[in-house]
Structures are given as structure tokens and as C-alpha cells.
């Protein structure tokens, strides 16, 4: 019976992991860019996890290390250690920051986690033949 509750705990932890996604963002207000100025999103800042897509369709992901009017420097730990990538601001087609997805994203995420949790409990109860202590 203990292994069943351990399995239940593992399922619960897996369901609670991750409710984030990339959402539109913009450069800080004093940095000119070719990005659409109507983006509804917060400005990026040093330390944010971002995804940058260039006009050439090439993309980069990483943590913002430096922001200047000419470039954004992203840092990332990979197979070859820590690497920094310099992305010219004028080549950026879209900019996204990792965070809770969209408006009401946290509410949607929590609702999804709740539904999956309830479904998991229901499946475990049915598979084990009843609630704990009834066997």
C-alpha cells in the first residue's frame, strides 16, 4: 500500500511541475526597435528567460545578461559550458519572455492541474478498488 501512495506522490509532483510558457514581450521603452509597438507585455530585463526570433527565422533562447540599444546578450549553459550569444536589436522579429502564459494564465494552469489531479485520484481509486483503508 505504501508503494501506491509513493506512486500517487510522484504523479502529483509531475502534474504540479510547469505552468509556464513564452509570451510576447518588448524591449525597454528607451530602446528603439523594429518590433511592433502594440505588444501587450512587459519589458524584458536582465535575468529574464527569453526566446528571440530573428527576421531570418533563426531563434535563440537563454537568460538576458545585458540589454543595450544595439544588442541583447543572452547567456546559456550548454554541452560546451557557459556560452553567450549577442543578438543585434535591429534583426529581432519577435521577442518572448518565459512566464505564466497569457492573461489569467495562472488561473488556467491551476484549473488544469486541479482537473488532472482529480482525474488521477479517480483512476487510482478505481484501479485499487476503493478509497484508502477500505481494502
Foldseek 3Di string as FASTA:
>chain_A
DVVLVVVLVVLLVVLPPDLKDWAFEAAPPVADAPEDPPGPHYHDDAQWWKWWAFPVRDIDTAGFHDDDSFWTKGWDQDPVGIDIDTGGRHGTHTMITMDQPDVCSVVVSVVSSVVSSVVVVVVSQVVVVHDPPPD
